[in-house]
Amino acid sequence: MRAFENQEEVLALIERVREQNQRDMARVEAYLAEADGLTGEGFSEDGSVRAEVDEDGLVSRLDIPDSALRRGSHLSEMIMVAIREAQADRALKVAELGQGINGAQTAERVRDVIPEHIRDRIAERRRGDGRG
């Protein structure tokens, strides 16, 4: 533990800590403002069923064309694939946005728990949207 020579050193340290805390809080507030309202989008493997999840990761929209309705027992699987992809899309967006606060480690951990084929589909769709 460091021994302080005088009161001014202690006050200077406290001021530096206070300033750093203010910067950190500003970054957290900016992150929360940006993360609020982030949604996710996902599709069935054939691209016909589309799901969207809201800022809480809950399904907010589900688009099922008539052609998909004719898929019978496969329809529920198509819906689940679209929902899971939408949730993964949102989770990746939140993790990527948070890199400014907690570094790349959290984003990497989130990527690691999402199956590779889903990550690849999301990345491919983003490239197609021009979002890289």
C-alpha atoms as a PDB file:
ATOM      1  CA  MET A   1       0.000   0.000   0.000  1.00  0.00           C
ATOM      2  CA  ARG A   2       1.271   3.429  -0.906  1.00  0.00           C
ATOM      3  CA  ALA A   3       1.983   5.905   1.856  1.00  0.00           C
ATOM      4  CA  PHE A   4       0.954   9.473   1.090  1.00  0.00           C
ATOM      5  CA  GLU A   5       3.303  12.288   1.984  1.00  0.00           C
ATOM      6  CA  ASN A   6       0.682  14.981   2.394  1.00  0.00           C
ATOM      7  CA  GLN A   7      -2.975  15.833   2.171  1.00  0.00           C
ATOM      8  CA  GLU A   8      -2.653  17.290  -1.341  1.00  0.00           C
ATOM      9  CA  GLU A   9      -1.570  13.898  -2.723  1.00  0.00           C
ATOM     10  CA  VAL A  10      -4.618  12.261  -1.198  1.00  0.00           C
ATOM     11  CA  LEU A  11      -6.933  14.938  -2.549  1.00  0.00           C
ATOM     12  CA  ALA A  12      -5.339  14.699  -6.012  1.00  0.00           C
ATOM     13  CA  LEU A  13      -5.830  10.914  -6.030  1.00  0.00           C
ATOM     14  CA  ILE A  14      -9.452  11.279  -4.956  1.00  0.00           C
ATOM     15  CA  GLU A  15     -10.022  13.824  -7.725  1.00  0.00           C
ATOM     16  CA  ARG A  16      -8.493  11.503 -10.363  1.00  0.00           C
ATOM     17  CA  VAL A  17     -10.698   8.638  -9.165  1.00  0.00           C
ATOM     18  CA  ARG A  18     -13.776  10.896  -9.240  1.00  0.00           C
ATOM     19  CA  GLU A  19     -12.990  12.060 -12.788  1.00  0.00           C
ATOM     20  CA  GLN A  20     -12.447   8.480 -13.967  1.00  0.00           C
ATOM     21  CA  ASN A  21     -15.736   7.426 -12.400  1.00  0.00           C
ATOM     22  CA  GLN A  22     -17.526  10.270 -14.188  1.00  0.00           C
ATOM     23  CA  ARG A  23     -16.017   9.187 -17.535  1.00  0.00           C
ATOM     24  CA  ASP A  24     -16.986   5.575 -16.867  1.00  0.00           C
ATOM     25  CA  MET A  25     -20.543   6.537 -15.941  1.00  0.00           C
ATOM     26  CA  ALA A  26     -20.868   8.657 -19.082  1.00  0.00           C
ATOM     27  CA  ARG A  27     -19.790   5.647 -21.196  1.00  0.00           C
ATOM     28  CA  VAL A  28     -22.278   3.396 -19.405  1.00  0.00           C
ATOM     29  CA  GLU A  29     -25.090   5.908 -19.875  1.00  0.00           C
ATOM     30  CA  ALA A  30     -24.265   6.247 -23.574  1.00  0.00           C
ATOM     31  CA  TYR A  31     -24.232   2.444 -23.908  1.00  0.00           C
ATOM     32  CA  LEU A  32     -27.589   2.110 -22.169  1.00  0.00           C
ATOM     33  CA  ALA A  33     -29.103   4.800 -24.386  1.00  0.00           C
ATOM     34  CA  GLU A  34     -27.852   3.039 -27.525  1.00  0.00           C
ATOM     35  CA  ALA A  35     -28.773  -0.459 -26.318  1.00  0.00           C
ATOM     36  CA  ASP A  36     -32.294   0.632 -25.455  1.00  0.00           C
ATOM     37  CA  GLY A  37     -34.461  -0.403 -28.335  1.00  0.00           C
ATOM     38  CA  LEU A  38     -31.964  -2.739 -30.020  1.00  0.00           C
ATOM     39  CA  THR A  39     -33.881  -5.468 -31.799  1.00  0.00           C
ATOM     40  CA  GLY A  40     -32.893  -8.658 -33.541  1.00  0.00           C
ATOM     41  CA  GLU A  41     -34.018 -10.247 -36.769  1.00  0.00           C
ATOM     42  CA  GLY A  42     -33.898 -13.867 -37.824  1.00  0.00           C
ATOM     43  CA  PHE A  43     -35.078 -16.132 -40.599  1.00  0.00           C
ATOM     44  CA  SER A  44     -35.878 -19.774 -41.116  1.00  0.00           C
ATOM     45  CA  GLU A  45     -33.240 -21.723 -43.020  1.00  0.00           C
ATOM     46  CA  ASP A  46     -35.095 -21.254 -46.301  1.00  0.00           C
ATOM     47  CA  GLY A  47     -35.603 -17.561 -45.527  1.00  0.00           C
ATOM     48  CA  SER A  48     -39.378 -17.665 -45.723  1.00  0.00           C
ATOM     49  CA  VAL A  49     -40.231 -17.201 -42.027  1.00  0.00           C
ATOM     50  CA  ARG A  50     -39.034 -13.968 -40.415  1.00  0.00           C
ATOM     51  CA  ALA A  51     -38.960 -13.231 -36.689  1.00  0.00           C
ATOM     52  CA  GLU A  52     -38.121 -10.041 -34.871  1.00  0.00           C
ATOM     53  CA  VAL A  53     -37.369  -9.715 -31.165  1.00  0.00           C
ATOM     54  CA  ASP A  54     -37.671  -6.528 -29.136  1.00  0.00           C
ATOM     55  CA  GLU A  55     -35.229  -4.918 -26.703  1.00  0.00           C
ATOM     56  CA  ASP A  56     -36.088  -7.599 -24.129  1.00  0.00           C
ATOM     57  CA  GLY A  57     -35.415 -10.456 -26.542  1.00  0.00           C
ATOM     58  CA  LEU A  58     -39.121 -11.280 -26.802  1.00  0.00           C
ATOM     59  CA  VAL A  59     -40.811 -11.987 -30.111  1.00  0.00           C
ATOM     60  CA  SER A  60     -42.374  -8.787 -31.367  1.00  0.00           C
ATOM     61  CA  ARG A  61     -43.120  -9.817 -34.932  1.00  0.00           C
ATOM     62  CA  LEU A  62     -43.462 -13.054 -36.836  1.00  0.00           C
ATOM     63  CA  ASP A  63     -43.977 -13.124 -40.595  1.00  0.00           C
ATOM     64  CA  ILE A  64     -45.165 -16.443 -42.017  1.00  0.00           C
ATOM     65  CA  PRO A  65     -46.009 -16.497 -45.719  1.00  0.00           C
ATOM     66  CA  ASP A  66     -48.697 -18.805 -47.083  1.00  0.00           C
ATOM     67  CA  SER A  67     -46.020 -20.984 -48.679  1.00  0.00           C
ATOM     68  CA  ALA A  68     -44.559 -21.726 -45.244  1.00  0.00           C
ATOM     69  CA  LEU A  69     -47.983 -22.627 -43.865  1.00  0.00           C
ATOM     70  CA  ARG A  70     -48.022 -25.530 -46.310  1.00  0.00           C
ATOM     71  CA  ARG A  71     -44.895 -27.008 -44.706  1.00  0.00           C
ATOM     72  CA  GLY A  72     -46.989 -28.822 -42.112  1.00  0.00           C
ATOM     73  CA  SER A  73     -44.957 -30.348 -39.318  1.00  0.00           C
ATOM     74  CA  HIS A  74     -41.832 -28.427 -40.394  1.00  0.00           C
ATOM     75  CA  LEU A  75     -43.451 -25.042 -39.735  1.00  0.00           C
ATOM     76  CA  SER A  76     -42.810 -25.078 -35.987  1.00  0.00           C
ATOM     77  CA  GLU A  77     -39.114 -25.833 -36.586  1.00  0.00           C
ATOM     78  CA  MET A  78     -38.925 -23.004 -39.136  1.00  0.00           C
ATOM     79  CA  ILE A  79     -40.458 -20.611 -36.614  1.00  0.00           C
ATOM     80  CA  MET A  80     -38.091 -21.707 -33.831  1.00  0.00           C
ATOM     81  CA  VAL A  81     -35.043 -21.307 -36.093  1.00  0.00           C
ATOM     82  CA  ALA A  82     -36.132 -17.778 -37.004  1.00  0.00           C
ATOM     83  CA  ILE A  83     -36.754 -16.837 -33.354  1.00  0.00           C
ATOM     84  CA  ARG A  84     -33.440 -18.260 -32.149  1.00  0.00           C
ATOM     85  CA  GLU A  85     -31.574 -16.431 -34.884  1.00  0.00           C
ATOM     86  CA  ALA A  86     -33.334 -13.167 -34.022  1.00  0.00           C
ATOM     87  CA  GLN A  87     -32.395 -13.575 -30.358  1.00  0.00           C
ATOM     88  CA  ALA A  88     -28.791 -14.357 -31.299  1.00  0.00           C
ATOM     89  CA  ASP A  89     -28.723 -11.325 -33.610  1.00  0.00           C
ATOM     90  CA  ARG A  90     -29.855  -9.054 -30.779  1.00  0.00           C
ATOM     91  CA  ALA A  91     -27.411 -10.616 -28.302  1.00  0.00           C
ATOM     92  CA  LEU A  92     -24.532 -10.026 -30.726  1.00  0.00           C
ATOM     93  CA  LYS A  93     -25.580  -6.419 -31.283  1.00  0.00           C
ATOM     94  CA  VAL A  94     -25.708  -5.743 -27.534  1.00  0.00           C
ATOM     95  CA  ALA A  95     -22.349  -7.456 -26.953  1.00  0.00           C
ATOM     96  CA  GLU A  96     -20.688  -5.614 -29.833  1.00  0.00           C
ATOM     97  CA  LEU A  97     -22.047  -2.303 -28.611  1.00  0.00           C
ATOM     98  CA  GLY A  98     -20.724  -3.051 -25.123  1.00  0.00           C
ATOM     99  CA  GLN A  99     -17.151  -3.546 -26.304  1.00  0.00           C
ATOM    100  CA  GLY A 100     -16.467   0.121 -25.552  1.00  0.00           C
ATOM    101  CA  ILE A 101     -17.246  -0.510 -21.910  1.00  0.00           C
ATOM    102  CA  ASN A 102     -15.988  -3.992 -21.184  1.00  0.00           C
ATOM    103  CA  GLY A 103     -13.645  -4.703 -24.080  1.00  0.00           C
ATOM    104  CA  ALA A 104     -13.905  -7.458 -26.623  1.00  0.00           C
ATOM    105  CA  GLN A 105     -13.943 -10.293 -24.084  1.00  0.00           C
ATOM    106  CA  THR A 106     -17.663 -10.187 -23.441  1.00  0.00           C
ATOM    107  CA  ALA A 107     -18.483  -9.974 -27.144  1.00  0.00           C
ATOM    108  CA  GLU A 108     -16.228 -12.976 -27.785  1.00  0.00           C
ATOM    109  CA  ARG A 109     -17.939 -14.941 -25.013  1.00  0.00           C
ATOM    110  CA  VAL A 110     -21.349 -14.166 -26.490  1.00  0.00           C
ATOM    111  CA  ARG A 111     -20.135 -15.199 -29.947  1.00  0.00           C
ATOM    112  CA  ASP A 112     -18.761 -18.429 -28.494  1.00  0.00           C
ATOM    113  CA  VAL A 113     -22.120 -19.539 -27.073  1.00  0.00           C
ATOM    114  CA  ILE A 114     -24.006 -18.884 -30.312  1.00  0.00           C
ATOM    115  CA  PRO A 115     -23.747 -21.848 -32.681  1.00  0.00           C
ATOM    116  CA  GLU A 116     -21.347 -21.187 -35.529  1.00  0.00           C
ATOM    117  CA  HIS A 117     -23.895 -21.767 -38.291  1.00  0.00           C
ATOM    118  CA  ILE A 118     -26.167 -19.096 -36.762  1.00  0.00           C
ATOM    119  CA  ARG A 119     -23.264 -16.641 -36.379  1.00  0.00           C
ATOM    120  CA  ASP A 120     -22.362 -17.278 -40.018  1.00  0.00           C
ATOM    121  CA  ARG A 121     -25.930 -16.634 -41.204  1.00  0.00           C
ATOM    122  CA  ILE A 122     -26.135 -13.392 -39.215  1.00  0.00           C
ATOM    123  CA  ALA A 123     -22.740 -12.236 -40.523  1.00  0.00           C
ATOM    124  CA  GLU A 124     -23.747 -13.072 -44.094  1.00  0.00           C
ATOM    125  CA  ARG A 125     -27.017 -11.150 -43.750  1.00  0.00           C
ATOM    126  CA  ARG A 126     -25.197  -8.149 -42.259  1.00  0.00           C
ATOM    127  CA  ARG A 127     -22.723  -8.150 -45.149  1.00  0.00           C
ATOM    128  CA  GLY A 128     -25.662  -8.234 -47.541  1.00  0.00           C
ATOM    129  CA  ASP A 129     -27.222  -5.283 -45.701  1.00  0.00           C
ATOM    130  CA  GLY A 130     -23.951  -3.363 -45.904  1.00  0.00           C
ATOM    131  CA  ARG A 131     -23.561  -3.527 -42.097  1.00  0.00           C
ATOM    132  CA  GLY A 132     -20.391  -5.605 -42.271  1.00  0.00           C
END
